[in-house]
Amino acid sequence: MTQLTEPPSEAVPVKQACEPLTSNDHGGSNSEFAARNPFLVHWLEAIASDVSLPPETLGVAKVMALSVGIGRASFTDWQRINASLGRERRDLTSLAIMSELHAKGYIDRNFYDGFGRRRYGWTLLIPEGEQ
C-alpha cells in the first residue's frame, strides 16, 4: 500500500462539509485513492457528511489525510496545515478545527507504535456511529 507522507505543496481548496468528494479532491480518481488507502476515503466521507462540523473542516482533514504515515497516523501540526491551506501559519482556525475533530472522535493525539514507543502525531479515527 502506498503511504502518503507529505502534505500538498499547494493550497488545498476548502469544501463545504455537505459537498460530495470528487476525484480532484484526491489527486486522481476515487477508485485510485481508495485502492491506496480505503480507510482515508471512508474517514474523509464521514467528516464530509458530519453537518455539525464547521465548513472548513474538510480542508483540514484532507491535509491530515495527505500526511498519513504509519498505519493511520498523521504527522502534521496545525501550523503546517495552515501553510498547506494558504493561511497564515499562526492562524488559530486549523487548531480550533483539530480540537473539534478530537472532541468528535475523528482524531486522537499521540499514540504508541508496534514497538512500544510513543509517537507524536494524530491517529485518525472513525467514531463508532459513523462505521
Protein backbone atom coordinates (compact mmCIF):
# COMPACT_ATOMS: atom_id res chain seq x y z
CA MET A 1 0.00 0.00 0.00
CA THR A 2 1.36 3.42 -0.86
CA GLN A 3 1.57 5.68 2.16
CA LEU A 4 1.17 9.42 1.70
CA THR A 5 3.78 11.20 3.78
CA GLU A 6 3.91 14.86 2.81
CA PRO A 7 1.18 17.50 2.79
CA PRO A 8 0.44 19.03 -0.60
CA SER A 9 2.76 21.79 -1.74
CA GLU A 10 -0.14 23.90 -2.97
CA ALA A 11 -3.17 25.14 -1.09
CA VAL A 12 -5.99 22.64 -0.71
CA PRO A 13 -9.36 24.21 -1.58
CA VAL A 14 -11.77 24.22 1.33
CA LYS A 15 -15.04 22.50 0.51
CA GLN A 16 -18.31 22.84 2.33
CA ALA A 17 -18.94 19.88 4.64
CA CYS A 18 -22.07 18.88 2.75
CA GLU A 19 -20.39 18.80 -0.69
CA PRO A 20 -19.53 15.33 -2.03
CA LEU A 21 -15.93 14.29 -2.55
CA THR A 22 -14.72 14.36 -6.14
CA SER A 23 -11.80 12.75 -7.94
CA ASN A 24 -9.94 16.07 -7.84
CA ASP A 25 -10.07 16.02 -4.04
CA HIS A 26 -7.68 13.08 -4.03
CA GLY A 27 -5.35 13.97 -6.86
CA GLY A 28 -6.78 11.16 -9.02
CA SER A 29 -9.86 9.03 -9.32
CA ASN A 30 -11.81 7.97 -6.23
CA SER A 31 -11.07 4.33 -7.00
CA GLU A 32 -7.33 5.08 -7.33
CA PHE A 33 -7.31 6.86 -3.96
CA ALA A 34 -9.43 4.15 -2.35
CA ALA A 35 -7.05 1.47 -3.65
CA ARG A 36 -4.19 3.24 -1.92
CA ASN A 37 -5.97 3.67 1.39
CA PRO A 38 -9.72 2.93 1.62
CA PHE A 39 -9.74 3.93 5.30
CA LEU A 40 -8.83 7.51 4.37
CA VAL A 41 -11.67 7.71 1.87
CA HIS A 42 -14.13 6.46 4.50
CA TRP A 43 -12.64 8.87 7.08
CA LEU A 44 -12.97 11.87 4.74
CA GLU A 45 -16.51 10.88 3.75
CA ALA A 46 -17.52 10.57 7.42
CA ILE A 47 -16.19 14.06 8.11
CA ALA A 48 -17.79 15.49 4.96
CA SER A 49 -21.19 14.08 5.98
CA ASP A 50 -20.99 15.38 9.58
CA VAL A 51 -23.00 18.61 9.31
CA SER A 52 -22.19 19.53 12.93
CA LEU A 53 -18.60 20.33 11.92
CA PRO A 54 -17.55 23.76 10.57
CA PRO A 55 -17.38 24.05 6.74
CA GLU A 56 -13.56 24.47 6.81
CA THR A 57 -13.12 21.07 8.49
CA LEU A 58 -12.89 19.07 5.28
CA GLY A 59 -9.91 21.13 4.08
CA VAL A 60 -8.05 20.46 7.33
CA ALA A 61 -8.98 16.76 7.18
CA LYS A 62 -7.68 16.46 3.61
CA VAL A 63 -4.30 17.89 4.61
CA MET A 64 -4.17 15.46 7.53
CA ALA A 65 -5.10 12.56 5.23
CA LEU A 66 -2.30 13.52 2.84
CA SER A 67 0.24 13.40 5.68
CA VAL A 68 -0.59 9.86 6.83
CA GLY A 69 2.44 7.78 7.74
CA ILE A 70 2.49 4.65 9.88
CA GLY A 71 -0.91 2.98 9.79
CA ARG A 72 -3.47 5.72 10.29
CA ALA A 73 -1.24 8.33 11.91
CA SER A 74 -0.99 11.85 10.56
CA PHE A 75 2.34 13.55 11.18
CA THR A 76 1.45 17.19 10.82
CA ASP A 77 0.72 20.13 13.06
CA TRP A 78 -1.74 22.97 12.85
CA GLN A 79 0.86 25.42 11.53
CA ARG A 80 1.77 23.12 8.63
CA ILE A 81 -1.93 22.62 7.90
CA ASN A 82 -2.39 26.40 7.77
CA ALA A 83 0.52 26.73 5.35
CA SER A 84 -0.93 23.97 3.15
CA LEU A 85 -4.27 25.75 3.08
CA GLY A 86 -2.68 29.09 2.17
CA ARG A 87 -3.37 30.63 5.57
CA GLU A 88 -1.02 32.48 7.89
CA ARG A 89 0.90 29.81 9.85
CA ARG A 90 -0.23 31.19 13.23
CA ASP A 91 -3.93 31.41 12.29
CA LEU A 92 -5.78 29.56 15.06
CA THR A 93 -8.56 28.27 12.76
CA SER A 94 -6.86 24.94 12.00
CA LEU A 95 -6.02 24.40 15.66
CA ALA A 96 -9.67 25.01 16.60
CA ILE A 97 -10.84 22.60 13.88
CA MET A 98 -8.39 19.93 15.04
CA SER A 99 -9.72 20.38 18.58
CA GLU A 100 -13.26 19.92 17.24
CA LEU A 101 -12.22 16.77 15.33
CA HIS A 102 -10.65 15.46 18.54
CA ALA A 103 -13.79 16.22 20.59
CA LYS A 104 -16.00 14.46 18.00
CA GLY A 105 -13.75 11.36 17.98
CA TYR A 106 -12.26 11.72 14.47
CA ILE A 107 -8.68 12.10 15.70
CA ASP A 108 -6.70 11.27 18.82
CA ARG A 109 -3.45 12.84 19.97
CA ASN A 110 -0.24 10.81 20.10
CA PHE A 111 -0.06 7.04 20.02
CA TYR A 112 2.22 4.08 20.65
CA ASP A 113 3.74 2.25 17.71
CA GLY A 114 4.11 -1.53 17.48
CA PHE A 115 7.42 -1.31 19.34
CA GLY A 116 6.01 0.41 22.44
CA ARG A 117 7.49 3.80 21.54
CA ARG A 118 5.39 6.92 21.94
CA ARG A 119 4.93 8.76 18.66
CA TYR A 120 3.75 12.33 18.32
CA GLY A 121 1.08 12.97 15.78
CA TRP A 122 -2.60 12.27 15.28
CA THR A 123 -4.32 8.91 14.99
CA LEU A 124 -7.19 9.15 12.51
CA LEU A 125 -10.36 7.51 13.82
CA ILE A 126 -13.89 6.89 12.64
CA PRO A 127 -16.35 7.26 15.53
CA GLU A 128 -18.47 4.21 16.38
CA GLY A 129 -21.69 5.68 14.97
CA GLU A 130 -20.03 6.51 11.61
CA GLN A 131 -18.76 3.00 10.81
